[in-house]
PDB file of N, CA and C in Angstrom:
ATOM      1  N   UNK A   1     -52.244  24.249  96.262  1.00  0.00           N
ATOM      2  CA  UNK A   1     -52.379  23.225  96.140  1.00  0.00           C
ATOM      3  C   UNK A   1     -50.763  22.746  96.264  1.00  0.00           C
ATOM      4  N   UNK A   2     -49.824  22.084  97.171  1.00  0.00           N
ATOM      5  CA  UNK A   2     -48.338  22.069  97.348  1.00  0.00           C
ATOM      6  C   UNK A   2     -47.727  21.514  96.036  1.00  0.00           C
ATOM      7  N   UNK A   3     -46.976  21.965  95.373  1.00  0.00           N
ATOM      8  CA  UNK A   3     -46.714  21.519  93.813  1.00  0.00           C
ATOM      9  C   UNK A   3     -44.920  21.316  93.923  1.00  0.00           C
ATOM     10  N   UNK A   4     -44.398  22.083  94.645  1.00  0.00           N
ATOM     11  CA  UNK A   4     -42.907  22.011  95.145  1.00  0.00           C
ATOM     12  C   UNK A   4     -42.564  21.040  96.044  1.00  0.00           C
ATOM     13  N   UNK A   5     -41.607  20.193  95.423  1.00  0.00           N
ATOM     14  CA  UNK A   5     -41.173  18.680  96.475  1.00  0.00           C
ATOM     15  C   UNK A   5     -40.543  19.491  97.434  1.00  0.00           C
ATOM     16  N   UNK A   6     -39.669  20.099  97.947  1.00  0.00           N
ATOM     17  CA  UNK A   6     -39.011  21.087  98.936  1.00  0.00           C
ATOM     18  C   UNK A   6     -40.263  21.354  99.609  1.00  0.00           C
ATOM     19  N   UNK A   7     -40.918  22.100  99.444  1.00  0.00           N
ATOM     20  CA  UNK A   7     -41.901  22.280 100.144  1.00  0.00           C
ATOM     21  C   UNK A   7     -43.161  21.532 101.171  1.00  0.00           C
ATOM     22  N   UNK A   8     -43.128  20.412 100.075  1.00  0.00           N
ATOM     23  CA  UNK A   8     -43.952  19.516 100.610  1.00  0.00           C
ATOM     24  C   UNK A   8     -43.480  18.823 101.729  1.00  0.00           C
ATOM     25  N   UNK A   9     -42.032  18.125 101.383  1.00  0.00           N
ATOM     26  CA  UNK A   9     -41.275  17.668 102.671  1.00  0.00           C
ATOM     27  C   UNK A   9     -41.287  18.211 103.434  1.00  0.00           C
ATOM     28  N   UNK A  10     -40.724  19.666 103.787  1.00  0.00           N
ATOM     29  CA  UNK A  10     -40.597  20.154 105.099  1.00  0.00           C
ATOM     30  C   UNK A  10     -41.888  20.870 105.461  1.00  0.00           C
ATOM     31  N   UNK A  11     -43.413  20.831 104.798  1.00  0.00           N
ATOM     32  CA  UNK A  11     -44.299  20.887 105.671  1.00  0.00           C
ATOM     33  C   UNK A  11     -44.400  19.547 106.046  1.00  0.00           C
ATOM     34  N   UNK A  12     -44.377  17.958 105.436  1.00  0.00           N
ATOM     35  CA  UNK A  12     -44.641  16.982 106.102  1.00  0.00           C
ATOM     36  C   UNK A  12     -43.860  16.515 107.013  1.00  0.00           C
ATOM     37  N   UNK A  13     -42.167  17.041 107.133  1.00  0.00           N
ATOM     38  CA  UNK A  13     -41.700  16.764 108.624  1.00  0.00           C
ATOM     39  C   UNK A  13     -42.108  18.004 109.405  1.00  0.00           C
ATOM     40  N   UNK A  14     -42.665  19.450 109.320  1.00  0.00           N
ATOM     41  CA  UNK A  14     -42.912  20.042 110.100  1.00  0.00           C
ATOM     42  C   UNK A  14     -44.074  19.758 110.821  1.00  0.00           C
ATOM     43  N   UNK A  15     -45.330  18.833 110.361  1.00  0.00           N
ATOM     44  CA  UNK A  15     -46.190  18.924 110.972  1.00  0.00           C
ATOM     45  C   UNK A  15     -45.691  16.919 111.971  1.00  0.00           C
ATOM     46  N   UNK A  16     -45.008  16.575 111.191  1.00  0.00           N
ATOM     47  CA  UNK A  16     -44.415  14.978 111.899  1.00  0.00           C
ATOM     48  C   UNK A  16     -43.659  15.801 113.584  1.00  0.00           C
ATOM     49  N   UNK A  17     -43.040  16.707 113.266  1.00  0.00           N
ATOM     50  CA  UNK A  17     -42.323  17.220 114.035  1.00  0.00           C
ATOM     51  C   UNK A  17     -43.229  18.234 115.809  1.00  0.00           C
ATOM     52  N   UNK A  18     -44.389  18.837 115.207  1.00  0.00           N
ATOM     53  CA  UNK A  18     -45.792  19.173 115.729  1.00  0.00           C
ATOM     54  C   UNK A  18     -46.377  17.706 116.292  1.00  0.00           C
ATOM     55  N   UNK A  19     -46.812  16.922 115.396  1.00  0.00           N
ATOM     56  CA  UNK A  19     -47.541  15.712 116.442  1.00  0.00           C
ATOM     57  C   UNK A  19     -46.247  15.215 117.454  1.00  0.00           C
ATOM     58  N   UNK A  20     -45.255  15.105 116.655  1.00  0.00           N
ATOM     59  CA  UNK A  20     -44.423  14.392 118.288  1.00  0.00           C
ATOM     60  C   UNK A  20     -44.029  15.352 119.345  1.00  0.00           C
ATOM     61  N   UNK A  21     -44.194  16.731 119.464  1.00  0.00           N
ATOM     62  CA  UNK A  21     -44.106  17.667 120.503  1.00  0.00           C
ATOM     63  C   UNK A  21     -44.883  17.173 121.459  1.00  0.00           C
ATOM     64  N   UNK A  22     -46.254  17.290 120.738  1.00  0.00           N
ATOM     65  CA  UNK A  22     -47.793  17.128 121.323  1.00  0.00           C
ATOM     66  C   UNK A  22     -47.769  15.813 121.681  1.00  0.00           C
ATOM     67  N   UNK A  23     -47.554  15.024 121.515  1.00  0.00           N
ATOM     68  CA  UNK A  23     -47.237  13.325 122.122  1.00  0.00           C
ATOM     69  C   UNK A  23     -46.558  13.386 123.295  1.00  0.00           C
ATOM     70  N   UNK A  24     -45.106  13.933 123.124  1.00  0.00           N
ATOM     71  CA  UNK A  24     -44.198  14.108 124.201  1.00  0.00           C
ATOM     72  C   UNK A  24     -44.820  14.654 125.233  1.00  0.00           C
ATOM     73  N   UNK A  25     -45.321  15.989 125.011  1.00  0.00           N
ATOM     74  CA  UNK A  25     -46.320  17.147 126.400  1.00  0.00           C
ATOM     75  C   UNK A  25     -47.556  15.921 126.806  1.00  0.00           C
ATOM     76  N   UNK A  26     -47.633  15.347 125.985  1.00  0.00           N
ATOM     77  CA  UNK A  26     -49.051  14.504 126.458  1.00  0.00           C
ATOM     78  C   UNK A  26     -48.576  13.485 127.431  1.00  0.00           C
ATOM     79  N   UNK A  27     -47.688  13.047 127.230  1.00  0.00           N
ATOM     80  CA  UNK A  27     -47.235  11.761 127.699  1.00  0.00           C
ATOM     81  C   UNK A  27     -46.606  12.264 129.221  1.00  0.00           C
ATOM     82  N   UNK A  28     -46.309  13.509 128.786  1.00  0.00           N
ATOM     83  CA  UNK A  28     -45.677  14.074 130.188  1.00  0.00           C
ATOM     84  C   UNK A  28     -46.965  14.957 131.140  1.00  0.00           C
ATOM     85  N   UNK A  29     -47.984  15.074 130.784  1.00  0.00           N
ATOM     86  CA  UNK A  29     -48.715  15.499 131.633  1.00  0.00           C
ATOM     87  C   UNK A  29     -49.796  14.408 132.126  1.00  0.00           C
ATOM     88  N   UNK A  30     -49.933  13.639 131.265  1.00  0.00           N
ATOM     89  CA  UNK A  30     -50.775  12.031 131.928  1.00  0.00           C
ATOM     90  C   UNK A  30     -49.668  10.741 131.851  1.00  0.00           C
ATOM     91  N   UNK A  31     -48.931  10.816 132.809  1.00  0.00           N
ATOM     92  CA  UNK A  31     -47.756   9.540 132.788  1.00  0.00           C
ATOM     93  C   UNK A  31     -48.395   8.134 132.967  1.00  0.00           C
ATOM     94  N   UNK A  32     -49.858   7.553 133.372  1.00  0.00           N
ATOM     95  CA  UNK A  32     -50.037   6.940 133.908  1.00  0.00           C
ATOM     96  C   UNK A  32     -50.273   5.651 132.436  1.00  0.00           C
ATOM     97  N   UNK A  33     -50.111   4.153 132.071  1.00  0.00           N
ATOM     98  CA  UNK A  33     -50.613   3.971 131.152  1.00  0.00           C
ATOM     99  C   UNK A  33     -51.668   3.923 130.475  1.00  0.00           C
ATOM    100  N   UNK A  34     -51.397   3.840 129.019  1.00  0.00           N
ATOM    101  CA  UNK A  34     -52.975   4.490 128.515  1.00  0.00           C
ATOM    102  C   UNK A  34     -53.066   2.979 128.106  1.00  0.00           C
ATOM    103  N   UNK A  35     -54.120   2.478 128.428  1.00  0.00           N
ATOM    104  CA  UNK A  35     -54.988   1.384 127.791  1.00  0.00           C
ATOM    105  C   UNK A  35     -55.826   1.231 126.372  1.00  0.00           C
ATOM    106  N   UNK A  36     -55.430   0.426 125.820  1.00  0.00           N
ATOM    107  CA  UNK A  36     -56.783   0.384 124.451  1.00  0.00           C
ATOM    108  C   UNK A  36     -56.870  -1.019 124.506  1.00  0.00           C
ATOM    109  N   UNK A  37     -58.135  -1.025 123.648  1.00  0.00           N
ATOM    110  CA  UNK A  37     -58.636  -2.381 123.322  1.00  0.00           C
ATOM    111  C   UNK A  37     -58.053  -2.922 122.184  1.00  0.00           C
ATOM    112  N   UNK A  38     -57.717  -4.243 122.107  1.00  0.00           N
ATOM    113  CA  UNK A  38     -57.048  -4.876 120.682  1.00  0.00           C
ATOM    114  C   UNK A  38     -57.861  -4.501 119.403  1.00  0.00           C
ATOM    115  N   UNK A  39     -59.554  -4.603 119.416  1.00  0.00           N
ATOM    116  CA  UNK A  39     -59.686  -4.792 118.232  1.00  0.00           C
ATOM    117  C   UNK A  39     -59.705  -2.997 117.806  1.00  0.00           C
ATOM    118  N   UNK A  40     -59.605  -2.073 118.224  1.00  0.00           N
ATOM    119  CA  UNK A  40     -59.462  -0.743 118.033  1.00  0.00           C
ATOM    120  C   UNK A  40     -57.995  -0.720 117.099  1.00  0.00           C
ATOM    121  N   UNK A  41     -56.452  -1.381 117.624  1.00  0.00           N
ATOM    122  CA  UNK A  41     -55.288  -1.326 117.388  1.00  0.00           C
ATOM    123  C   UNK A  41     -55.932  -2.274 115.972  1.00  0.00           C
ATOM    124  N   UNK A  42     -56.558  -3.292 115.713  1.00  0.00           N
ATOM    125  CA  UNK A  42     -56.420  -4.098 114.837  1.00  0.00           C
ATOM    126  C   UNK A  42     -57.463  -3.434 113.564  1.00  0.00           C
ATOM    127  N   UNK A  43     -58.469  -2.393 114.081  1.00  0.00           N
ATOM    128  CA  UNK A  43     -59.159  -1.642 113.354  1.00  0.00           C
ATOM    129  C   UNK A  43     -58.090  -0.326 112.698  1.00  0.00           C
ATOM    130  N   UNK A  44     -57.610   0.014 113.414  1.00  0.00           N
ATOM    131  CA  UNK A  44     -56.377   1.417 112.905  1.00  0.00           C
ATOM    132  C   UNK A  44     -55.493   0.710 112.023  1.00  0.00           C
ATOM    133  N   UNK A  45     -55.628  -0.250 112.095  1.00  0.00           N
ATOM    134  CA  UNK A  45     -53.991  -1.219 111.571  1.00  0.00           C
ATOM    135  C   UNK A  45     -54.688  -1.318 109.781  1.00  0.00           C
ATOM    136  N   UNK A  46     -55.608  -2.307 109.860  1.00  0.00           N
ATOM    137  CA  UNK A  46     -56.232  -2.666 108.828  1.00  0.00           C
ATOM    138  C   UNK A  46     -57.837  -1.730 108.148  1.00  0.00           C
ATOM    139  N   UNK A  47     -58.378  -1.146 108.482  1.00  0.00           N
ATOM    140  CA  UNK A  47     -59.153  -0.288 108.100  1.00  0.00           C
ATOM    141  C   UNK A  47     -58.978   0.515 106.829  1.00  0.00           C
ATOM    142  N   UNK A  48     -57.861   1.488 106.863  1.00  0.00           N
ATOM    143  CA  UNK A  48     -57.118   1.920 105.580  1.00  0.00           C
ATOM    144  C   UNK A  48     -56.995   1.316 104.327  1.00  0.00           C
ATOM    145  N   UNK A  49     -56.562   0.179 104.717  1.00  0.00           N
ATOM    146  CA  UNK A  49     -56.590  -0.563 103.208  1.00  0.00           C
ATOM    147  C   UNK A  49     -57.510  -1.211 103.200  1.00  0.00           C
ATOM    148  N   UNK A  50     -58.746  -1.932 103.776  1.00  0.00           N
ATOM    149  CA  UNK A  50     -59.731  -2.315 103.331  1.00  0.00           C
ATOM    150  C   UNK A  50     -60.764  -1.483 102.833  1.00  0.00           C
ATOM    151  N   UNK A  51     -60.715   0.174 102.923  1.00  0.00           N
ATOM    152  CA  UNK A  51     -61.451   1.049 102.393  1.00  0.00           C
ATOM    153  C   UNK A  51     -60.960   1.041 101.189  1.00  0.00           C
ATOM    154  N   UNK A  52     -59.365   0.900 101.035  1.00  0.00           N
ATOM    155  CA  UNK A  52     -58.939   0.867  99.642  1.00  0.00           C
ATOM    156  C   UNK A  52     -59.124   0.048  98.520  1.00  0.00           C
ATOM    157  N   UNK A  53     -59.318  -0.933  99.477  1.00  0.00           N
ATOM    158  CA  UNK A  53     -59.173  -2.310  98.272  1.00  0.00           C
ATOM    159  C   UNK A  53     -60.916  -1.831  98.150  1.00  0.00           C
ATOM    160  N   UNK A  54     -61.879  -1.837  98.380  1.00  0.00           N
ATOM    161  CA  UNK A  54     -63.286  -1.871  98.282  1.00  0.00           C
ATOM    162  C   UNK A  54     -63.376  -0.528  97.140  1.00  0.00           C
ATOM    163  N   UNK A  55     -62.925   0.272  97.359  1.00  0.00           N
ATOM    164  CA  UNK A  55     -62.995   1.764  96.371  1.00  0.00           C
ATOM    165  C   UNK A  55     -62.390   1.143  95.359  1.00  0.00           C
ATOM    166  N   UNK A  56     -61.312   0.611  95.230  1.00  0.00           N
ATOM    167  CA  UNK A  56     -60.794   0.060  94.187  1.00  0.00           C
ATOM    168  C   UNK A  56     -61.574  -0.809  93.214  1.00  0.00           C
ATOM    169  N   UNK A  57     -62.028  -1.950  94.058  1.00  0.00           N
ATOM    170  CA  UNK A  57     -63.061  -2.714  93.749  1.00  0.00           C
ATOM    171  C   UNK A  57     -64.095  -1.908  93.114  1.00  0.00           C
ATOM    172  N   UNK A  58     -64.776  -1.247  93.529  1.00  0.00           N
ATOM    173  CA  UNK A  58     -65.641  -0.834  92.869  1.00  0.00           C
ATOM    174  C   UNK A  58     -65.471   0.141  91.620  1.00  0.00           C
ATOM    175  N   UNK A  59     -64.217   0.873  91.723  1.00  0.00           N
ATOM    176  CA  UNK A  59     -64.083   1.685  90.629  1.00  0.00           C
ATOM    177  C   UNK A  59     -64.062   0.520  89.849  1.00  0.00           C
ATOM    178  N   UNK A  60     -63.528  -0.459  89.919  1.00  0.00           N
ATOM    179  CA  UNK A  60     -63.009  -1.359  88.741  1.00  0.00           C
ATOM    180  C   UNK A  60     -64.425  -1.880  88.243  1.00  0.00           C
ATOM    181  N   UNK A  61     -65.113  -2.320  88.870  1.00  0.00           N
ATOM    182  CA  UNK A  61     -66.147  -2.657  88.130  1.00  0.00           C
ATOM    183  C   UNK A  61     -67.473  -1.733  87.567  1.00  0.00           C
ATOM    184  N   UNK A  62     -67.718  -0.359  88.425  1.00  0.00           N
ATOM    185  CA  UNK A  62     -68.051   0.741  87.281  1.00  0.00           C
ATOM    186  C   UNK A  62     -67.771   0.720  86.143  1.00  0.00           C
ATOM    187  N   UNK A  63     -66.246   0.905  86.439  1.00  0.00           N
ATOM    188  CA  UNK A  63     -65.554   1.100  84.693  1.00  0.00           C
ATOM    189  C   UNK A  63     -65.981   0.335  84.002  1.00  0.00           C
ATOM    190  N   UNK A  64     -66.045  -1.354  84.048  1.00  0.00           N
ATOM    191  CA  UNK A  64     -65.753  -2.545  83.288  1.00  0.00           C
ATOM    192  C   UNK A  64     -67.815  -1.998  82.695  1.00  0.00           C
ATOM    193  N   UNK A  65     -68.209  -2.117  83.772  1.00  0.00           N
ATOM    194  CA  UNK A  65     -69.837  -1.681  83.560  1.00  0.00           C
ATOM    195  C   UNK A  65     -70.393  -0.853  82.237  1.00  0.00           C
ATOM    196  N   UNK A  66     -69.268   0.437  82.822  1.00  0.00           N
ATOM    197  CA  UNK A  66     -69.567   1.799  81.631  1.00  0.00           C
ATOM    198  C   UNK A  66     -68.712   0.979  80.226  1.00  0.00           C
ATOM    199  N   UNK A  67     -68.005   0.524  80.294  1.00  0.00           N
ATOM    200  CA  UNK A  67     -67.488   0.135  78.801  1.00  0.00           C
ATOM    201  C   UNK A  67     -68.127  -0.529  78.608  1.00  0.00           C
ATOM    202  N   UNK A  68     -68.836  -1.800  78.857  1.00  0.00           N
ATOM    203  CA  UNK A  68     -69.710  -2.586  78.616  1.00  0.00           C
ATOM    204  C   UNK A  68     -71.072  -2.629  78.255  1.00  0.00           C
ATOM    205  N   UNK A  69     -71.830  -1.601  78.618  1.00  0.00           N
ATOM    206  CA  UNK A  69     -72.845  -0.618  78.005  1.00  0.00           C
ATOM    207  C   UNK A  69     -72.442   0.403  76.724  1.00  0.00           C
ATOM    208  N   UNK A  70     -71.210   0.939  76.617  1.00  0.00           N
ATOM    209  CA  UNK A  70     -70.987   1.499  75.685  1.00  0.00           C
ATOM    210  C   UNK A  70     -71.080   1.160  74.090  1.00  0.00           C
ATOM    211  N   UNK A  71     -71.034  -0.744  74.099  1.00  0.00           N
ATOM    212  CA  UNK A  71     -70.563  -1.217  72.856  1.00  0.00           C
ATOM    213  C   UNK A  71     -71.795  -1.849  72.096  1.00  0.00           C
TER     214      UNK A  71
END
């Protein structure tokens, strides 16, 4: 596990640089426009936050249920 902040920052920036280089090369190799469905864009934008919302709601309900049964 990465516990040092400078190491974590270096790792994050390094991965971002690699992804950027890969996307740049992919754009050079495939110069035609990339068409994507609008539903997929909406899904990629909102799905992570909705999954977190569901997780926290379930966690809160399970925690409240376990607290009520102990009394």
